Amino acid sequence: MFYIIDINEVQSIILSIDVTKMLFAVFFGILANVVSVFRWQLILKLMFGNFKFAELLGIFFQSLSLNSVLPGGIVGGDVFRSYSV
């Protein structure tokens, strides 16, 4: 499969990426996840009491990693988050 890929073309595409736009995309991607953790913290606070934001942030990003690795996309990370809390 890799013999079909032109390395020079891949390199030129990577070098043509606008760094400013890439940084904005990464920033807003992380910001969206942090807002999701705030929302999750609010829901947990209403249901079960207070949880530390830093702890929930770690659990949230671990669950995102599991969603990327496990088949099914969403279920594995949600089960992990539920179990971790």
Protein backbone atom coordinates (compact mmCIF):
# COMPACT_ATOMS: atom_id res chain seq x y z
CA MET A 1 0.00 0.00 0.00
CA PHE A 2 2.77 2.45 0.86
CA TYR A 3 4.51 1.99 -2.49
CA ILE A 4 1.59 3.82 -4.14
CA ILE A 5 2.09 6.95 -2.01
CA ASP A 6 4.36 9.61 -3.43
CA ILE A 7 6.47 10.80 -0.48
CA ASN A 8 7.36 14.08 -2.21
CA GLU A 9 3.68 14.89 -2.69
CA VAL A 10 2.92 14.12 0.96
CA GLN A 11 5.82 16.33 2.03
CA SER A 12 4.64 19.23 -0.14
CA ILE A 13 1.11 18.94 1.26
CA ILE A 14 2.37 18.94 4.86
CA LEU A 15 4.63 21.92 4.19
CA SER A 16 1.75 23.85 2.61
CA ILE A 17 -0.36 23.71 5.78
CA ASP A 18 -1.01 27.14 7.26
CA VAL A 19 0.40 26.93 10.80
CA THR A 20 -1.93 29.63 12.16
CA LYS A 21 -5.03 27.82 10.96
CA MET A 22 -3.70 24.55 12.33
CA LEU A 23 -3.08 26.10 15.76
CA PHE A 24 -6.59 27.58 15.79
CA ALA A 25 -8.04 24.18 14.91
CA VAL A 26 -6.10 22.45 17.69
CA PHE A 27 -7.02 25.18 20.19
CA PHE A 28 -10.74 25.03 19.42
CA GLY A 29 -10.69 21.23 19.43
CA ILE A 30 -9.21 21.20 22.92
CA LEU A 31 -11.55 24.00 24.02
CA ALA A 32 -14.59 22.00 22.85
CA ASN A 33 -13.47 19.04 24.94
CA VAL A 34 -12.83 21.23 28.00
CA VAL A 35 -16.35 22.68 27.66
CA SER A 36 -17.68 19.12 27.48
CA VAL A 37 -15.90 18.32 30.74
CA PHE A 38 -17.46 21.41 32.38
CA ARG A 39 -20.88 20.24 31.21
CA TRP A 40 -20.19 16.72 32.48
CA GLN A 41 -19.03 18.16 35.83
CA LEU A 42 -22.28 20.15 36.13
CA ILE A 43 -24.39 17.05 35.45
CA LEU A 44 -22.41 14.99 37.96
CA LYS A 45 -22.67 17.76 40.55
CA LEU A 46 -26.45 17.82 40.23
CA MET A 47 -26.69 14.03 40.45
CA PHE A 48 -23.95 12.86 42.81
CA GLY A 49 -22.11 15.79 44.37
CA ASN A 50 -18.86 17.60 43.70
CA PHE A 51 -16.00 16.23 41.58
CA LYS A 52 -12.62 17.82 40.88
CA PHE A 53 -12.31 19.26 37.39
CA ALA A 54 -8.75 17.95 36.92
CA GLU A 55 -9.84 14.41 37.77
CA LEU A 56 -12.77 14.58 35.35
CA LEU A 57 -10.54 16.04 32.64
CA GLY A 58 -8.19 13.07 32.92
CA ILE A 59 -11.04 10.57 32.81
CA PHE A 60 -12.60 12.37 29.84
CA PHE A 61 -9.42 12.33 27.73
CA GLN A 62 -8.80 8.69 28.63
CA SER A 63 -12.32 7.86 27.46
CA LEU A 64 -11.68 9.73 24.19
CA SER A 65 -8.58 7.59 23.69
CA LEU A 66 -10.58 4.43 24.29
CA ASN A 67 -13.20 5.61 21.80
CA SER A 68 -10.45 5.89 19.19
CA VAL A 69 -9.06 2.42 19.85
CA LEU A 70 -12.04 0.22 20.69
CA PRO A 71 -14.54 -0.91 18.08
CA GLY A 72 -17.92 0.75 18.28
CA GLY A 73 -16.54 4.27 18.58
CA ILE A 74 -18.53 5.57 21.53
CA VAL A 75 -19.50 2.74 23.85
CA GLY A 76 -16.06 1.87 25.22
CA GLY A 77 -15.20 5.38 26.40
CA ASP A 78 -18.63 5.96 27.94
CA VAL A 79 -18.43 2.71 29.88
CA PHE A 80 -14.97 3.73 31.10
CA ARG A 81 -16.23 7.16 32.21
CA SER A 82 -19.20 5.62 34.01
CA TYR A 83 -17.00 3.08 35.77
CA SER A 84 -14.35 5.65 36.70
CA VAL A 85 -16.81 7.94 38.42
